[in-house]
């Protein structure tokens, strides 16, 4: 299946909460775990306070400017300060959202590698999600069959100890591997 992903954190931090259990079904976008956001939450509170003051000053400066009192520079500085703080807030909220690791697609939580209290970092495997939809078998066939094996051709997948699966060839590779003189074929498995 192509529905196999090892999820990692986008932002470094201490793992605060693991929301799922191994074997649990998840939908795309569901939270898997959360990285500690306490520092970011305090920064957000500071930004809210600064933004409130800046908006108040801007409103006062705007009223003065409409009455042709004060300078244009003071008015533009107050306006720019409000816009800059709003942009900073948006950036911080996006960073806080990155502290929640989410399922990239619907599937099953196959394994959780992380533990509460451990550090999570970008690139560090935290959990594995598997979706068993659209499964297929990828096989190598001798180049002797190149041109004779075509998409939609009937095929059987034989696995010892398992029933034979009747399917058809889904894709035929165009590249002949020079190491073993084979071409790759893909056989979709029925549900």
Protein backbone atom coordinates (compact mmCIF):
# COMPACT_ATOMS: atom_id res chain seq x y z
CA UNK A 1 0.00 0.00 0.00
CA UNK A 2 1.09 3.57 -0.53
CA UNK A 3 -0.92 4.47 2.58
CA UNK A 4 1.98 4.10 4.99
CA UNK A 5 3.41 7.10 6.81
CA UNK A 6 5.69 7.67 9.76
CA UNK A 7 4.54 10.96 11.27
CA UNK A 8 6.93 13.44 12.86
CA UNK A 9 6.60 16.74 14.68
CA UNK A 10 6.92 19.97 12.73
CA UNK A 11 8.20 21.81 15.77
CA UNK A 12 10.54 20.61 18.53
CA UNK A 13 9.31 20.25 22.09
CA UNK A 14 8.29 17.95 24.91
CA UNK A 15 5.48 15.56 24.07
CA UNK A 16 2.62 16.67 26.28
CA UNK A 17 -0.20 14.33 25.29
CA UNK A 18 -0.63 11.23 23.11
CA UNK A 19 -4.21 11.35 21.90
CA UNK A 20 -4.44 7.93 20.17
CA UNK A 21 -3.77 4.27 20.98
CA UNK A 22 -2.18 1.64 18.76
CA UNK A 23 -4.84 -0.03 16.63
CA UNK A 24 -7.14 3.03 16.72
CA UNK A 25 -8.77 4.22 13.50
CA UNK A 26 -8.10 7.88 12.63
CA UNK A 27 -9.43 10.21 9.96
CA UNK A 28 -7.30 12.58 7.93
CA UNK A 29 -6.41 15.58 10.11
CA UNK A 30 -7.19 13.90 13.45
CA UNK A 31 -4.68 14.78 16.20
CA UNK A 32 -2.17 12.04 17.01
CA UNK A 33 -0.22 13.84 19.73
CA UNK A 34 0.54 17.30 21.09
CA UNK A 35 3.85 18.97 21.78
CA UNK A 36 4.00 21.31 24.81
CA UNK A 37 2.83 24.78 23.78
CA UNK A 38 3.03 26.60 27.13
CA UNK A 39 5.76 29.03 25.99
CA UNK A 40 3.83 29.82 22.81
CA UNK A 41 0.60 30.29 24.79
CA UNK A 42 2.34 32.87 27.03
CA UNK A 43 3.71 34.62 23.93
CA UNK A 44 0.19 34.71 22.50
CA UNK A 45 -1.14 36.35 25.68
CA UNK A 46 1.63 38.99 25.45
CA UNK A 47 0.76 39.61 21.80
CA UNK A 48 -2.94 40.00 22.63
CA UNK A 49 -2.09 42.64 25.24
CA UNK A 50 0.21 44.51 22.85
CA UNK A 51 -2.35 44.29 20.05
CA UNK A 52 -5.12 45.63 22.28
CA UNK A 53 -2.99 48.66 23.20
CA UNK A 54 -1.89 49.19 19.58
CA UNK A 55 -5.50 49.04 18.33
CA UNK A 56 -6.55 51.58 20.98
CA UNK A 57 -3.69 53.93 20.04
CA UNK A 58 -4.47 53.49 16.33
CA UNK A 59 -8.17 54.31 16.88
CA UNK A 60 -7.22 57.48 18.78
CA UNK A 61 -4.64 58.45 16.15
CA UNK A 62 -7.20 57.82 13.39
CA UNK A 63 -9.77 60.09 15.07
CA UNK A 64 -7.15 62.82 15.43
CA UNK A 65 -6.07 62.38 11.81
CA UNK A 66 -9.70 62.72 10.63
CA UNK A 67 -9.87 66.02 12.54
CA UNK A 68 -6.59 67.03 10.85
CA UNK A 69 -4.76 66.97 14.19
CA UNK A 70 -1.38 65.28 14.47
CA UNK A 71 1.04 64.13 11.84
CA UNK A 72 0.56 61.59 9.08
CA UNK A 73 3.71 59.79 10.27
CA UNK A 74 2.20 59.13 13.72
CA UNK A 75 -1.01 57.87 12.10
CA UNK A 76 0.89 55.54 9.72
CA UNK A 77 3.12 54.27 12.54
CA UNK A 78 0.07 53.36 14.64
CA UNK A 79 -1.56 51.63 11.67
CA UNK A 80 1.64 49.71 10.83
CA UNK A 81 2.05 48.62 14.45
CA UNK A 82 -1.45 47.08 14.46
CA UNK A 83 -0.83 45.27 11.16
CA UNK A 84 2.57 43.96 12.33
CA UNK A 85 1.10 42.62 15.59
CA UNK A 86 -1.78 40.94 13.72
CA UNK A 87 0.75 39.27 11.40
CA UNK A 88 2.81 38.15 14.41
CA UNK A 89 -0.32 36.69 15.98
CA UNK A 90 -1.15 34.79 12.77
CA UNK A 91 2.38 33.40 12.62
CA UNK A 92 2.29 32.33 16.26
CA UNK A 93 -1.12 30.65 15.82
CA UNK A 94 0.26 28.75 12.81
CA UNK A 95 3.25 27.64 14.90
CA UNK A 96 0.90 26.51 17.67
CA UNK A 97 -1.08 24.49 15.15
CA UNK A 98 2.18 22.82 14.07
CA UNK A 99 2.60 21.61 17.66
CA UNK A 100 -0.30 19.22 17.06
CA UNK A 101 0.80 16.20 15.01
CA UNK A 102 -2.09 15.15 12.76
CA UNK A 103 -2.90 12.08 10.67
CA UNK A 104 -1.88 12.70 7.04
CA UNK A 105 -4.66 10.39 5.79
CA UNK A 106 -7.38 8.13 7.16
CA UNK A 107 -6.13 4.80 8.45
CA UNK A 108 -5.07 2.88 11.55
CA UNK A 109 -2.44 3.89 14.08
CA UNK A 110 -0.13 0.91 13.66
CA UNK A 111 2.51 1.96 16.15
CA UNK A 112 3.19 4.84 18.54
CA UNK A 113 6.93 5.30 19.07
CA UNK A 114 6.73 8.37 21.32
CA UNK A 115 6.07 8.52 25.03
CA UNK A 116 4.62 11.40 27.05
CA UNK A 117 7.44 13.54 28.44
CA UNK A 118 9.95 12.65 25.72
CA UNK A 119 11.28 15.22 23.28
CA UNK A 120 9.76 15.36 19.82
CA UNK A 121 11.68 16.91 16.96
CA UNK A 122 11.24 17.31 13.20
CA UNK A 123 12.34 14.14 11.44
CA UNK A 124 12.01 12.00 14.58
CA UNK A 125 9.45 9.17 14.09
CA UNK A 126 6.56 9.55 16.53
CA UNK A 127 3.88 7.23 15.13
CA UNK A 128 3.11 5.09 12.09
CA UNK A 129 -0.24 5.30 10.25
CA UNK A 130 -1.32 2.59 7.81
CA UNK A 131 -4.21 2.63 5.35
CA UNK A 132 -4.96 -0.74 3.80
CA UNK A 133 -6.99 0.75 0.95
CA UNK A 134 -5.68 0.33 -2.57
CA UNK A 135 -3.30 -2.52 -1.77
CA UNK A 136 -1.22 -3.99 -4.57
CA UNK A 137 1.54 -6.47 -5.28
CA UNK A 138 4.68 -5.23 -6.95
CA UNK A 139 6.62 -7.93 -8.77
CA UNK A 140 9.64 -8.26 -11.02
CA UNK A 141 9.17 -10.19 -14.27
CA UNK A 142 11.87 -11.35 -16.66
CA UNK A 143 12.49 -8.96 -19.56
CA UNK A 144 11.70 -11.96 -21.78
CA UNK A 145 8.04 -11.01 -21.19
CA UNK A 146 8.50 -7.34 -22.12
CA UNK A 147 5.88 -6.45 -24.69
CA UNK A 148 3.80 -9.55 -23.84
CA UNK A 149 2.68 -8.39 -20.37
CA UNK A 150 0.15 -5.57 -20.73
CA UNK A 151 -2.12 -3.61 -18.39
CA UNK A 152 -5.53 -5.24 -17.75
CA UNK A 153 -4.10 -8.69 -18.59
CA UNK A 154 -5.55 -11.39 -16.26
CA UNK A 155 -3.19 -12.50 -13.48
CA UNK A 156 -3.09 -14.56 -10.31
CA UNK A 157 -1.18 -13.80 -7.13
CA UNK A 158 -0.11 -17.01 -5.41
CA UNK A 159 1.12 -16.80 -1.82
CA UNK A 160 1.82 -20.06 0.01
CA UNK A 161 -0.65 -20.64 2.82
CA UNK A 162 -3.09 -18.08 1.41
CA UNK A 163 -5.80 -18.42 -1.23
CA UNK A 164 -4.82 -17.52 -4.76
CA UNK A 165 -5.97 -13.99 -5.61
CA UNK A 166 -7.37 -13.38 -9.08
CA UNK A 167 -6.58 -9.90 -10.38
CA UNK A 168 -5.20 -8.19 -13.46
CA UNK A 169 -2.01 -6.36 -14.30
CA UNK A 170 -2.36 -2.72 -13.31
CA UNK A 171 0.89 -1.18 -14.48
CA UNK A 172 3.85 -2.39 -16.49
CA UNK A 173 7.16 -0.65 -15.96
CA UNK A 174 9.10 0.67 -18.94
CA UNK A 175 12.55 0.23 -17.41
CA UNK A 176 14.61 -2.95 -17.62
CA UNK A 177 16.76 -3.35 -14.51
CA UNK A 178 20.25 -4.10 -15.88
CA UNK A 179 21.28 -5.95 -12.69
CA UNK A 180 18.75 -8.78 -13.10
CA UNK A 181 17.11 -8.07 -16.50
CA UNK A 182 13.60 -7.62 -15.09
CA UNK A 183 10.71 -5.22 -15.52
CA UNK A 184 8.41 -4.18 -12.71
CA UNK A 185 4.67 -4.85 -12.78
CA UNK A 186 1.98 -3.82 -10.31
CA UNK A 187 -1.08 -5.95 -9.60
CA UNK A 188 -3.93 -4.28 -7.65
CA UNK A 189 -5.50 -6.47 -4.98
CA UNK A 190 -9.30 -6.58 -4.70
CA UNK A 191 -10.85 -5.26 -1.46
